[in-house]
């Protein structure tokens, strides 16, 4: 991408699709030459701090241009799930386990969907 050399605080930061980045309470992971940004996907309206989408992921090679990688962890429509739509899911973080080759995500969770 051909990016400007700077951005200004308060301006919307757009992803590669031209959509504002939606990853709050974020954690970052550098892996295989890319930086990954994982954060709470918030929705407009009266949802407050309740999760209605899940954890959104983005990746970048330069920390300015961010590619939308989609929802890394979606909330469930099953009311019996601990991560049911309407729970409080905050501050997601991801690490890479070199021994197993797997990625591990953890976050603050308050079950109780709406």
PDB file of N, CA and C in Angstrom:
ATOM      1  N   UNK A   1       0.833  -1.181   0.000  1.00  0.00           N
ATOM      2  CA  UNK A   1       0.000   0.000   0.000  1.00  0.00           C
ATOM      3  C   UNK A   1       0.875   1.241   0.000  1.00  0.00           C
ATOM      4  N   UNK A   2       0.331   2.303  -0.496  1.00  0.00           N
ATOM      5  CA  UNK A   2       1.052   3.556  -0.562  1.00  0.00           C
ATOM      6  C   UNK A   2       0.491   4.486   0.502  1.00  0.00           C
ATOM      7  N   UNK A   3       1.106   4.510   1.668  1.00  0.00           N
ATOM      8  CA  UNK A   3       0.554   5.219   2.818  1.00  0.00           C
ATOM      9  C   UNK A   3       1.195   6.578   3.002  1.00  0.00           C
ATOM     10  N   UNK A   4       0.445   7.503   3.618  1.00  0.00           N
ATOM     11  CA  UNK A   4       1.079   8.751   4.028  1.00  0.00           C
ATOM     12  C   UNK A   4       2.073   8.448   5.144  1.00  0.00           C
ATOM     13  N   UNK A   5       2.992   9.350   5.367  1.00  0.00           N
ATOM     14  CA  UNK A   5       4.028   9.126   6.369  1.00  0.00           C
ATOM     15  C   UNK A   5       3.533   9.361   7.787  1.00  0.00           C
ATOM     16  N   UNK A   6       2.334   9.900   7.931  1.00  0.00           N
ATOM     17  CA  UNK A   6       1.839  10.190   9.278  1.00  0.00           C
ATOM     18  C   UNK A   6       0.320  10.154   9.314  1.00  0.00           C
ATOM     19  N   UNK A   7      -0.205  10.129  10.522  1.00  0.00           N
ATOM     20  CA  UNK A   7      -1.644  10.250  10.727  1.00  0.00           C
ATOM     21  C   UNK A   7      -1.847  11.140  11.944  1.00  0.00           C
ATOM     22  N   UNK A   8      -3.054  11.619  12.131  1.00  0.00           N
ATOM     23  CA  UNK A   8      -3.339  12.558  13.216  1.00  0.00           C
ATOM     24  C   UNK A   8      -4.254  11.923  14.254  1.00  0.00           C
ATOM     25  N   UNK A   9      -3.978  12.161  15.543  1.00  0.00           N
ATOM     26  CA  UNK A   9      -4.862  11.658  16.584  1.00  0.00           C
ATOM     27  C   UNK A   9      -6.292  12.147  16.349  1.00  0.00           C
ATOM     28  N   UNK A  10      -7.243  11.280  16.614  1.00  0.00           N
ATOM     29  CA  UNK A  10      -8.645  11.619  16.447  1.00  0.00           C
ATOM     30  C   UNK A  10      -9.212  11.272  15.084  1.00  0.00           C
ATOM     31  N   UNK A  11      -8.345  11.043  14.106  1.00  0.00           N
ATOM     32  CA  UNK A  11      -8.820  10.629  12.789  1.00  0.00           C
ATOM     33  C   UNK A  11      -9.167   9.148  12.824  1.00  0.00           C
ATOM     34  N   UNK A  12     -10.163   8.752  12.032  1.00  0.00           N
ATOM     35  CA  UNK A  12     -10.473   7.331  11.915  1.00  0.00           C
ATOM     36  C   UNK A  12      -9.314   6.628  11.232  1.00  0.00           C
ATOM     37  N   UNK A  13      -8.955   5.457  11.753  1.00  0.00           N
ATOM     38  CA  UNK A  13      -7.883   4.653  11.170  1.00  0.00           C
ATOM     39  C   UNK A  13      -8.561   3.546  10.386  1.00  0.00           C
ATOM     40  N   UNK A  14      -8.360   3.530   9.087  1.00  0.00           N
ATOM     41  CA  UNK A  14      -9.060   2.597   8.218  1.00  0.00           C
ATOM     42  C   UNK A  14      -8.210   1.370   7.906  1.00  0.00           C
ATOM     43  N   UNK A  15      -8.874   0.221   7.755  1.00  0.00           N
ATOM     44  CA  UNK A  15      -8.181  -1.006   7.355  1.00  0.00           C
ATOM     45  C   UNK A  15      -8.077  -1.066   5.834  1.00  0.00           C
ATOM     46  N   UNK A  16      -7.618  -2.189   5.315  1.00  0.00           N
ATOM     47  CA  UNK A  16      -7.420  -2.342   3.872  1.00  0.00           C
ATOM     48  C   UNK A  16      -8.724  -2.342   3.084  1.00  0.00           C
ATOM     49  N   UNK A  17      -9.847  -2.458   3.758  1.00  0.00           N
ATOM     50  CA  UNK A  17     -11.156  -2.427   3.095  1.00  0.00           C
ATOM     51  C   UNK A  17     -11.800  -1.041   3.188  1.00  0.00           C
ATOM     52  N   UNK A  18     -11.093  -0.087   3.815  1.00  0.00           N
ATOM     53  CA  UNK A  18     -11.633   1.255   3.978  1.00  0.00           C
ATOM     54  C   UNK A  18     -12.607   1.390   5.128  1.00  0.00           C
ATOM     55  N   UNK A  19     -12.603   0.411   6.031  1.00  0.00           N
ATOM     56  CA  UNK A  19     -13.511   0.380   7.181  1.00  0.00           C
ATOM     57  C   UNK A  19     -12.714   0.748   8.437  1.00  0.00           C
ATOM     58  N   UNK A  20     -13.276   1.557   9.350  1.00  0.00           N
ATOM     59  CA  UNK A  20     -12.545   1.877  10.579  1.00  0.00           C
ATOM     60  C   UNK A  20     -12.142   0.611  11.344  1.00  0.00           C
ATOM     61  N   UNK A  21     -10.899   0.596  11.822  1.00  0.00           N
ATOM     62  CA  UNK A  21     -10.404  -0.537  12.608  1.00  0.00           C
ATOM     63  C   UNK A  21     -11.255  -0.657  13.871  1.00  0.00           C
ATOM     64  N   UNK A  22     -11.664  -1.876  14.179  1.00  0.00           N
ATOM     65  CA  UNK A  22     -12.557  -2.132  15.309  1.00  0.00           C
ATOM     66  C   UNK A  22     -11.924  -3.216  16.176  1.00  0.00           C
ATOM     67  N   UNK A  23     -10.979  -2.807  17.029  1.00  0.00           N
ATOM     68  CA  UNK A  23     -10.238  -3.759  17.870  1.00  0.00           C
ATOM     69  C   UNK A  23      -9.835  -3.051  19.160  1.00  0.00           C
ATOM     70  N   UNK A  24     -10.738  -3.011  20.120  1.00  0.00           N
ATOM     71  CA  UNK A  24     -10.553  -2.259  21.359  1.00  0.00           C
ATOM     72  C   UNK A  24      -9.959  -3.152  22.453  1.00  0.00           C
ATOM     73  N   UNK A  25      -9.293  -2.526  23.432  1.00  0.00           N
ATOM     74  CA  UNK A  25      -8.686  -3.286  24.524  1.00  0.00           C
ATOM     75  C   UNK A  25      -7.660  -4.264  23.985  1.00  0.00           C
ATOM     76  N   UNK A  26      -6.889  -3.820  23.032  1.00  0.00           N
ATOM     77  CA  UNK A  26      -6.112  -4.694  22.155  1.00  0.00           C
ATOM     78  C   UNK A  26      -4.863  -5.309  22.771  1.00  0.00           C
ATOM     79  N   UNK A  27      -4.450  -6.389  22.118  1.00  0.00           N
ATOM     80  CA  UNK A  27      -3.169  -7.022  22.348  1.00  0.00           C
ATOM     81  C   UNK A  27      -2.495  -7.204  20.999  1.00  0.00           C
ATOM     82  N   UNK A  28      -1.170  -7.209  20.984  1.00  0.00           N
ATOM     83  CA  UNK A  28      -0.413  -7.333  19.742  1.00  0.00           C
ATOM     84  C   UNK A  28       0.525  -8.529  19.820  1.00  0.00           C
ATOM     85  N   UNK A  29       0.731  -9.161  18.686  1.00  0.00           N
ATOM     86  CA  UNK A  29       1.619 -10.318  18.569  1.00  0.00           C
ATOM     87  C   UNK A  29       2.436 -10.151  17.303  1.00  0.00           C
ATOM     88  N   UNK A  30       3.753 -10.300  17.405  1.00  0.00           N
ATOM     89  CA  UNK A  30       4.604 -10.283  16.217  1.00  0.00           C
ATOM     90  C   UNK A  30       4.968 -11.728  15.897  1.00  0.00           C
ATOM     91  N   UNK A  31       4.651 -12.157  14.675  1.00  0.00           N
ATOM     92  CA  UNK A  31       4.897 -13.541  14.277  1.00  0.00           C
ATOM     93  C   UNK A  31       5.160 -13.602  12.777  1.00  0.00           C
ATOM     94  N   UNK A  32       6.250 -14.258  12.405  1.00  0.00           N
ATOM     95  CA  UNK A  32       6.591 -14.517  10.999  1.00  0.00           C
ATOM     96  C   UNK A  32       6.562 -13.246  10.149  1.00  0.00           C
ATOM     97  N   UNK A  33       7.137 -12.172  10.682  1.00  0.00           N
ATOM     98  CA  UNK A  33       7.273 -10.945   9.907  1.00  0.00           C
ATOM     99  C   UNK A  33       6.047 -10.046   9.875  1.00  0.00           C
ATOM    100  N   UNK A  34       4.994 -10.414  10.571  1.00  0.00           N
ATOM    101  CA  UNK A  34       3.787  -9.582  10.617  1.00  0.00           C
ATOM    102  C   UNK A  34       3.436  -9.300  12.074  1.00  0.00           C
ATOM    103  N   UNK A  35       2.800  -8.174  12.299  1.00  0.00           N
ATOM    104  CA  UNK A  35       2.260  -7.855  13.612  1.00  0.00           C
ATOM    105  C   UNK A  35       0.759  -8.054  13.551  1.00  0.00           C
ATOM    106  N   UNK A  36       0.228  -8.744  14.541  1.00  0.00           N
ATOM    107  CA  UNK A  36      -1.205  -9.030  14.613  1.00  0.00           C
ATOM    108  C   UNK A  36      -1.819  -8.215  15.742  1.00  0.00           C
ATOM    109  N   UNK A  37      -2.971  -7.656  15.475  1.00  0.00           N
ATOM    110  CA  UNK A  37      -3.715  -6.808  16.411  1.00  0.00           C
ATOM    111  C   UNK A  37      -5.030  -7.521  16.699  1.00  0.00           C
ATOM    112  N   UNK A  38      -5.234  -7.910  17.945  1.00  0.00           N
ATOM    113  CA  UNK A  38      -6.461  -8.582  18.380  1.00  0.00           C
ATOM    114  C   UNK A  38      -7.181  -7.660  19.359  1.00  0.00           C
ATOM    115  N   UNK A  39      -8.466  -7.428  19.135  1.00  0.00           N
ATOM    116  CA  UNK A  39      -9.204  -6.552  20.034  1.00  0.00           C
ATOM    117  C   UNK A  39     -10.695  -6.817  20.015  1.00  0.00           C
ATOM    118  N   UNK A  40     -11.368  -6.255  20.993  1.00  0.00           N
ATOM    119  CA  UNK A  40     -12.822  -6.406  21.116  1.00  0.00           C
ATOM    120  C   UNK A  40     -13.504  -5.694  19.948  1.00  0.00           C
ATOM    121  N   UNK A  41     -14.391  -6.388  19.263  1.00  0.00           N
ATOM    122  CA  UNK A  41     -15.188  -5.779  18.197  1.00  0.00           C
ATOM    123  C   UNK A  41     -16.428  -5.171  18.846  1.00  0.00           C
ATOM    124  N   UNK A  42     -16.528  -3.851  18.816  1.00  0.00           N
ATOM    125  CA  UNK A  42     -17.652  -3.142  19.438  1.00  0.00           C
ATOM    126  C   UNK A  42     -18.709  -2.816  18.389  1.00  0.00           C
ATOM    127  N   UNK A  43     -19.964  -2.739  18.824  1.00  0.00           N
ATOM    128  CA  UNK A  43     -21.040  -2.339  17.919  1.00  0.00           C
ATOM    129  C   UNK A  43     -21.647  -1.032  18.420  1.00  0.00           C
ATOM    130  N   UNK A  44     -22.218  -0.279  17.490  1.00  0.00           N
ATOM    131  CA  UNK A  44     -22.873   0.974  17.855  1.00  0.00           C
ATOM    132  C   UNK A  44     -24.175   0.688  18.577  1.00  0.00           C
ATOM    133  N   UNK A  45     -24.606   1.651  19.376  1.00  0.00           N
ATOM    134  CA  UNK A  45     -25.895   1.513  20.035  1.00  0.00           C
ATOM    135  C   UNK A  45     -25.771   1.338  21.529  1.00  0.00           C
ATOM    136  N   UNK A  46     -26.744   0.688  22.099  1.00  0.00           N
ATOM    137  CA  UNK A  46     -26.845   0.594  23.554  1.00  0.00           C
ATOM    138  C   UNK A  46     -26.249  -0.691  24.126  1.00  0.00           C
ATOM    139  N   UNK A  47     -25.407  -1.387  23.358  1.00  0.00           N
ATOM    140  CA  UNK A  47     -24.829  -2.653  23.827  1.00  0.00           C
ATOM    141  C   UNK A  47     -23.872  -2.452  24.989  1.00  0.00           C
ATOM    142  N   UNK A  48     -23.364  -1.234  25.150  1.00  0.00           N
ATOM    143  CA  UNK A  48     -22.416  -0.979  26.223  1.00  0.00           C
ATOM    144  C   UNK A  48     -21.162  -1.811  26.037  1.00  0.00           C
ATOM    145  N   UNK A  49     -20.742  -2.490  27.089  1.00  0.00           N
ATOM    146  CA  UNK A  49     -19.518  -3.280  27.032  1.00  0.00           C
ATOM    147  C   UNK A  49     -19.785  -4.746  26.719  1.00  0.00           C
ATOM    148  N   UNK A  50     -20.991  -5.083  26.369  1.00  0.00           N
ATOM    149  CA  UNK A  50     -21.344  -6.480  26.088  1.00  0.00           C
ATOM    150  C   UNK A  50     -20.870  -6.887  24.698  1.00  0.00           C
ATOM    151  N   UNK A  51     -20.400  -8.129  24.593  1.00  0.00           N
ATOM    152  CA  UNK A  51     -19.877  -8.644  23.322  1.00  0.00           C
ATOM    153  C   UNK A  51     -21.020  -9.147  22.442  1.00  0.00           C
ATOM    154  N   UNK A  52     -21.073  -8.652  21.223  1.00  0.00           N
ATOM    155  CA  UNK A  52     -22.081  -9.098  20.268  1.00  0.00           C
ATOM    156  C   UNK A  52     -21.447  -9.616  18.983  1.00  0.00           C
ATOM    157  N   UNK A  53     -20.133  -9.538  18.873  1.00  0.00           N
ATOM    158  CA  UNK A  53     -19.423 -10.050  17.697  1.00  0.00           C
ATOM    159  C   UNK A  53     -18.301 -10.981  18.136  1.00  0.00           C
ATOM    160  N   UNK A  54     -17.341 -10.466  18.922  1.00  0.00           N
ATOM    161  CA  UNK A  54     -16.223 -11.274  19.386  1.00  0.00           C
ATOM    162  C   UNK A  54     -14.914 -10.519  19.314  1.00  0.00           C
ATOM    163  N   UNK A  55     -13.836 -11.246  19.023  1.00  0.00           N
ATOM    164  CA  UNK A  55     -12.493 -10.683  18.941  1.00  0.00           C
ATOM    165  C   UNK A  55     -12.129 -10.545  17.469  1.00  0.00           C
ATOM    166  N   UNK A  56     -11.801  -9.311  17.064  1.00  0.00           N
ATOM    167  CA  UNK A  56     -11.453  -9.025  15.674  1.00  0.00           C
ATOM    168  C   UNK A  56      -9.932  -9.032  15.541  1.00  0.00           C
ATOM    169  N   UNK A  57      -9.431  -9.459  14.391  1.00  0.00           N
ATOM    170  CA  UNK A  57      -7.988  -9.524  14.143  1.00  0.00           C
ATOM    171  C   UNK A  57      -7.615  -8.731  12.896  1.00  0.00           C
ATOM    172  N   UNK A  58      -6.454  -8.102  12.970  1.00  0.00           N
ATOM    173  CA  UNK A  58      -5.867  -7.371  11.847  1.00  0.00           C
ATOM    174  C   UNK A  58      -4.389  -7.739  11.806  1.00  0.00           C
ATOM    175  N   UNK A  59      -3.748  -7.568  10.649  1.00  0.00           N
ATOM    176  CA  UNK A  59      -2.305  -7.801  10.561  1.00  0.00           C
ATOM    177  C   UNK A  59      -1.653  -6.703   9.735  1.00  0.00           C
ATOM    178  N   UNK A  60      -0.365  -6.482  10.011  1.00  0.00           N
ATOM    179  CA  UNK A  60       0.370  -5.416   9.339  1.00  0.00           C
ATOM    180  C   UNK A  60       1.847  -5.771   9.243  1.00  0.00           C
ATOM    181  N   UNK A  61       2.490  -5.231   8.220  1.00  0.00           N
ATOM    182  CA  UNK A  61       3.945  -5.346   8.115  1.00  0.00           C
ATOM    183  C   UNK A  61       4.635  -4.049   8.513  1.00  0.00           C
ATOM    184  N   UNK A  62       3.868  -2.942   8.564  1.00  0.00           N
ATOM    185  CA  UNK A  62       4.488  -1.647   8.825  1.00  0.00           C
ATOM    186  C   UNK A  62       3.848  -0.866   9.983  1.00  0.00           C
ATOM    187  N   UNK A  63       2.885  -1.446  10.660  1.00  0.00           N
ATOM    188  CA  UNK A  63       2.172  -0.849  11.790  1.00  0.00           C
ATOM    189  C   UNK A  63       1.339   0.370  11.404  1.00  0.00           C
ATOM    190  N   UNK A  64       1.172   0.604  10.123  1.00  0.00           N
ATOM    191  CA  UNK A  64       0.286   1.672   9.659  1.00  0.00           C
ATOM    192  C   UNK A  64      -0.846   1.113   8.808  1.00  0.00           C
ATOM    193  N   UNK A  65      -0.493   0.290   7.840  1.00  0.00           N
ATOM    194  CA  UNK A  65      -1.488  -0.339   6.968  1.00  0.00           C
ATOM    195  C   UNK A  65      -1.911  -1.660   7.598  1.00  0.00           C
ATOM    196  N   UNK A  66      -3.213  -1.804   7.873  1.00  0.00           N
ATOM    197  CA  UNK A  66      -3.727  -2.983   8.564  1.00  0.00           C
ATOM    198  C   UNK A  66      -4.693  -3.750   7.684  1.00  0.00           C
ATOM    199  N   UNK A  67      -4.446  -5.042   7.546  1.00  0.00           N
ATOM    200  CA  UNK A  67      -5.318  -5.941   6.778  1.00  0.00           C
ATOM    201  C   UNK A  67      -6.327  -6.585   7.722  1.00  0.00           C
ATOM    202  N   UNK A  68      -7.597  -6.534   7.347  1.00  0.00           N
ATOM    203  CA  UNK A  68      -8.659  -7.157   8.133  1.00  0.00           C
ATOM    204  C   UNK A  68      -8.546  -8.669   7.993  1.00  0.00           C
ATOM    205  N   UNK A  69      -8.283  -9.354   9.098  1.00  0.00           N
ATOM    206  CA  UNK A  69      -8.174 -10.816   9.105  1.00  0.00           C
ATOM    207  C   UNK A  69      -9.476 -11.470   9.569  1.00  0.00           C
ATOM    208  N   UNK A  70     -10.482 -10.652   9.883  1.00  0.00           N
ATOM    209  CA  UNK A  70     -11.781 -11.184  10.282  1.00  0.00           C
ATOM    210  C   UNK A  70     -11.900 -11.394  11.779  1.00  0.00           C
ATOM    211  N   UNK A  71     -12.953 -12.056  12.159  1.00  0.00           N
ATOM    212  CA  UNK A  71     -13.219 -12.337  13.571  1.00  0.00           C
ATOM    213  C   UNK A  71     -12.445 -13.598  13.963  1.00  0.00           C
ATOM    214  N   UNK A  72     -11.506 -13.445  14.898  1.00  0.00           N
ATOM    215  CA  UNK A  72     -10.668 -14.567  15.336  1.00  0.00           C
ATOM    216  C   UNK A  72     -11.402 -15.468  16.326  1.00  0.00           C
ATOM    217  N   UNK A  73     -12.297 -14.883  17.099  1.00  0.00           N
ATOM    218  CA  UNK A  73     -13.104 -15.640  18.053  1.00  0.00           C
ATOM    219  C   UNK A  73     -14.485 -15.007  18.085  1.00  0.00           C
ATOM    220  N   UNK A  74     -15.464 -15.739  17.605  1.00  0.00           N
ATOM    221  CA  UNK A  74     -16.838 -15.225  17.566  1.00  0.00           C
ATOM    222  C   UNK A  74     -17.592 -15.636  18.818  1.00  0.00           C
ATOM    223  N   UNK A  75     -18.467 -14.746  19.286  1.00  0.00           N
ATOM    224  CA  UNK A  75     -19.357 -15.132  20.377  1.00  0.00           C
ATOM    225  C   UNK A  75     -20.369 -16.126  19.825  1.00  0.00           C
ATOM    226  N   UNK A  76     -20.981 -16.866  20.726  1.00  0.00           N
ATOM    227  CA  UNK A  76     -21.905 -17.929  20.339  1.00  0.00           C
ATOM    228  C   UNK A  76     -23.357 -17.474  20.476  1.00  0.00           C
ATOM    229  N   UNK A  77     -24.208 -18.008  19.623  1.00  0.00           N
ATOM    230  CA  UNK A  77     -25.646 -17.776  19.755  1.00  0.00           C
ATOM    231  C   UNK A  77     -26.289 -18.773  20.719  1.00  0.00           C
ATOM    232  N   UNK A  78     -25.494 -19.712  21.235  1.00  0.00           N
ATOM    233  CA  UNK A  78     -25.986 -20.700  22.201  1.00  0.00           C
ATOM    234  C   UNK A  78     -25.972 -20.068  23.594  1.00  0.00           C
ATOM    235  N   UNK A  79     -27.115 -19.829  24.214  1.00  0.00           N
ATOM    236  CA  UNK A  79     -27.141 -19.183  25.529  1.00  0.00           C
ATOM    237  C   UNK A  79     -26.432 -19.987  26.618  1.00  0.00           C
ATOM    238  N   UNK A  80     -26.175 -21.273  26.397  1.00  0.00           N
ATOM    239  CA  UNK A  80     -25.467 -22.097  27.379  1.00  0.00           C
ATOM    240  C   UNK A  80     -23.951 -21.909  27.295  1.00  0.00           C
ATOM    241  N   UNK A  81     -23.459 -21.282  26.228  1.00  0.00           N
ATOM    242  CA  UNK A  81     -22.026 -21.072  26.048  1.00  0.00           C
ATOM    243  C   UNK A  81     -21.519 -20.004  27.009  1.00  0.00           C
ATOM    244  N   UNK A  82     -20.293 -20.179  27.509  1.00  0.00           N
ATOM    245  CA  UNK A  82     -19.699 -19.158  28.372  1.00  0.00           C
ATOM    246  C   UNK A  82     -19.401 -17.887  27.605  1.00  0.00           C
ATOM    247  N   UNK A  83     -19.227 -18.006  26.284  1.00  0.00           N
ATOM    248  CA  UNK A  83     -19.001 -16.804  25.483  1.00  0.00           C
ATOM    249  C   UNK A  83     -20.222 -16.525  24.599  1.00  0.00           C
ATOM    250  N   UNK A  84     -21.383 -16.604  25.221  1.00  0.00           N
ATOM    251  CA  UNK A  84     -22.639 -16.319  24.515  1.00  0.00           C
ATOM    252  C   UNK A  84     -22.734 -14.829  24.196  1.00  0.00           C
ATOM    253  N   UNK A  85     -23.402 -14.525  23.092  1.00  0.00           N
ATOM    254  CA  UNK A  85     -23.661 -13.136  22.708  1.00  0.00           C
ATOM    255  C   UNK A  85     -24.208 -12.383  23.923  1.00  0.00           C
ATOM    256  N   UNK A  86     -23.590 -11.253  24.239  1.00  0.00           N
ATOM    257  CA  UNK A  86     -24.002 -10.450  25.382  1.00  0.00           C
ATOM    258  C   UNK A  86     -23.117 -10.617  26.606  1.00  0.00           C
ATOM    259  N   UNK A  87     -22.169 -11.570  26.567  1.00  0.00           N
ATOM    260  CA  UNK A  87     -21.220 -11.698  27.675  1.00  0.00           C
ATOM    261  C   UNK A  87     -20.292 -10.476  27.656  1.00  0.00           C
ATOM    262  N   UNK A  88     -19.462 -10.362  28.661  1.00  0.00           N
ATOM    263  CA  UNK A  88     -18.436  -9.320  28.656  1.00  0.00           C
ATOM    264  C   UNK A  88     -17.105 -10.016  28.409  1.00  0.00           C
ATOM    265  N   UNK A  89     -16.494  -9.712  27.277  1.00  0.00           N
ATOM    266  CA  UNK A  89     -15.233 -10.307  26.843  1.00  0.00           C
ATOM    267  C   UNK A  89     -14.296  -9.135  26.570  1.00  0.00           C
ATOM    268  N   UNK A  90     -13.236  -9.000  27.385  1.00  0.00           N
ATOM    269  CA  UNK A  90     -12.386  -7.810  27.315  1.00  0.00           C
ATOM    270  C   UNK A  90     -10.905  -8.164  27.219  1.00  0.00           C
ATOM    271  N   UNK A  91     -10.150  -7.227  26.670  1.00  0.00           N
ATOM    272  CA  UNK A  91      -8.682  -7.227  26.627  1.00  0.00           C
ATOM    273  C   UNK A  91      -8.078  -8.539  26.119  1.00  0.00           C
ATOM    274  N   UNK A  92      -8.466  -9.005  24.945  1.00  0.00           N
ATOM    275  CA  UNK A  92      -7.913 -10.262  24.430  1.00  0.00           C
ATOM    276  C   UNK A  92      -6.418 -10.148  24.122  1.00  0.00           C
ATOM    277  N   UNK A  93      -5.709 -11.205  24.430  1.00  0.00           N
ATOM    278  CA  UNK A  93      -4.276 -11.302  24.141  1.00  0.00           C
ATOM    279  C   UNK A  93      -4.016 -12.655  23.495  1.00  0.00           C
ATOM    280  N   UNK A  94      -3.004 -12.716  22.630  1.00  0.00           N
ATOM    281  CA  UNK A  94      -2.652 -13.955  21.929  1.00  0.00           C
ATOM    282  C   UNK A  94      -1.143 -14.142  21.997  1.00  0.00           C
ATOM    283  N   UNK A  95      -0.720 -15.372  22.239  1.00  0.00           N
ATOM    284  CA  UNK A  95       0.699 -15.727  22.173  1.00  0.00           C
ATOM    285  C   UNK A  95       0.848 -16.951  21.281  1.00  0.00           C
ATOM    286  N   UNK A  96       2.066 -17.154  20.800  1.00  0.00           N
ATOM    287  CA  UNK A  96       2.383 -18.325  19.981  1.00  0.00           C
ATOM    288  C   UNK A  96       3.230 -19.270  20.819  1.00  0.00           C
ATOM    289  N   UNK A  97       2.799 -20.521  20.939  1.00  0.00           N
ATOM    290  CA  UNK A  97       3.545 -21.541  21.664  1.00  0.00           C
ATOM    291  C   UNK A  97       4.501 -22.200  20.674  1.00  0.00           C
ATOM    292  N   UNK A  98       5.776 -21.900  20.803  1.00  0.00           N
ATOM    293  CA  UNK A  98       6.773 -22.411  19.863  1.00  0.00           C
ATOM    294  C   UNK A  98       6.840 -23.935  19.905  1.00  0.00           C
ATOM    295  N   UNK A  99       6.684 -24.516  21.080  1.00  0.00           N
ATOM    296  CA  UNK A  99       6.788 -25.971  21.219  1.00  0.00           C
ATOM    297  C   UNK A  99       5.682 -26.697  20.458  1.00  0.00           C
ATOM    298  N   UNK A 100       4.452 -26.213  20.569  1.00  0.00           N
ATOM    299  CA  UNK A 100       3.322 -26.895  19.920  1.00  0.00           C
ATOM    300  C   UNK A 100       2.975 -26.306  18.557  1.00  0.00           C
ATOM    301  N   UNK A 101       3.443 -25.078  18.293  1.00  0.00           N
ATOM    302  CA  UNK A 101       3.087 -24.408  17.045  1.00  0.00           C
ATOM    303  C   UNK A 101       1.690 -23.808  17.067  1.00  0.00           C
ATOM    304  N   UNK A 102       1.031 -23.875  18.214  1.00  0.00           N
ATOM    305  CA  UNK A 102      -0.343 -23.362  18.318  1.00  0.00           C
ATOM    306  C   UNK A 102      -0.354 -21.952  18.901  1.00  0.00           C
ATOM    307  N   UNK A 103      -1.448 -21.260  18.633  1.00  0.00           N
ATOM    308  CA  UNK A 103      -1.675 -19.939  19.197  1.00  0.00           C
ATOM    309  C   UNK A 103      -2.659 -20.074  20.354  1.00  0.00           C
ATOM    310  N   UNK A 104      -2.441 -19.273  21.395  1.00  0.00           N
ATOM    311  CA  UNK A 104      -3.280 -19.324  22.582  1.00  0.00           C
ATOM    312  C   UNK A 104      -3.845 -17.923  22.828  1.00  0.00           C
ATOM    313  N   UNK A 105      -5.162 -17.844  23.031  1.00  0.00           N
ATOM    314  CA  UNK A 105      -5.807 -16.568  23.334  1.00  0.00           C
ATOM    315  C   UNK A 105      -6.366 -16.622  24.753  1.00  0.00           C
ATOM    316  N   UNK A 106      -6.202 -15.522  25.473  1.00  0.00           N
ATOM    317  CA  UNK A 106      -6.860 -15.401  26.772  1.00  0.00           C
ATOM    318  C   UNK A 106      -7.449 -14.003  26.877  1.00  0.00           C
ATOM    319  N   UNK A 107      -8.395 -13.844  27.785  1.00  0.00           N
ATOM    320  CA  UNK A 107      -9.121 -12.583  27.909  1.00  0.00           C
ATOM    321  C   UNK A 107      -9.885 -12.578  29.222  1.00  0.00           C
ATOM    322  N   UNK A 108     -10.306 -11.399  29.631  1.00  0.00           N
ATOM    323  CA  UNK A 108     -11.206 -11.252  30.779  1.00  0.00           C
ATOM    324  C   UNK A 108     -12.602 -11.619  30.302  1.00  0.00           C
ATOM    325  N   UNK A 109     -13.294 -12.463  31.064  1.00  0.00           N
ATOM    326  CA  UNK A 109     -14.628 -12.908  30.666  1.00  0.00           C
ATOM    327  C   UNK A 109     -15.588 -12.826  31.841  1.00  0.00           C
ATOM    328  N   UNK A 110     -16.737 -12.246  31.579  1.00  0.00           N
ATOM    329  CA  UNK A 110     -17.862 -12.290  32.507  1.00  0.00           C
ATOM    330  C   UNK A 110     -19.013 -12.930  31.749  1.00  0.00           C
ATOM    331  N   UNK A 111     -19.266 -14.235  32.000  1.00  0.00           N
ATOM    332  CA  UNK A 111     -20.345 -14.921  31.284  1.00  0.00           C
ATOM    333  C   UNK A 111     -21.698 -14.274  31.583  1.00  0.00           C
ATOM    334  N   UNK A 112     -22.651 -14.618  30.785  1.00  0.00           N
ATOM    335  CA  UNK A 112     -23.997 -14.096  31.011  1.00  0.00           C
ATOM    336  C   UNK A 112     -24.497 -13.336  29.809  1.00  0.00           C
ATOM    337  N   UNK A 113     -24.855 -14.062  28.792  1.00  0.00           N
ATOM    338  CA  UNK A 113     -25.352 -13.435  27.578  1.00  0.00           C
ATOM    339  C   UNK A 113     -26.719 -12.819  27.762  1.00  0.00           C
ATOM    340  N   UNK A 114     -27.103 -12.034  26.761  1.00  0.00           N
ATOM    341  CA  UNK A 114     -28.424 -11.394  26.782  1.00  0.00           C
ATOM    342  C   UNK A 114     -29.347 -12.057  25.792  1.00  0.00           C
TER     343      UNK A 114
END
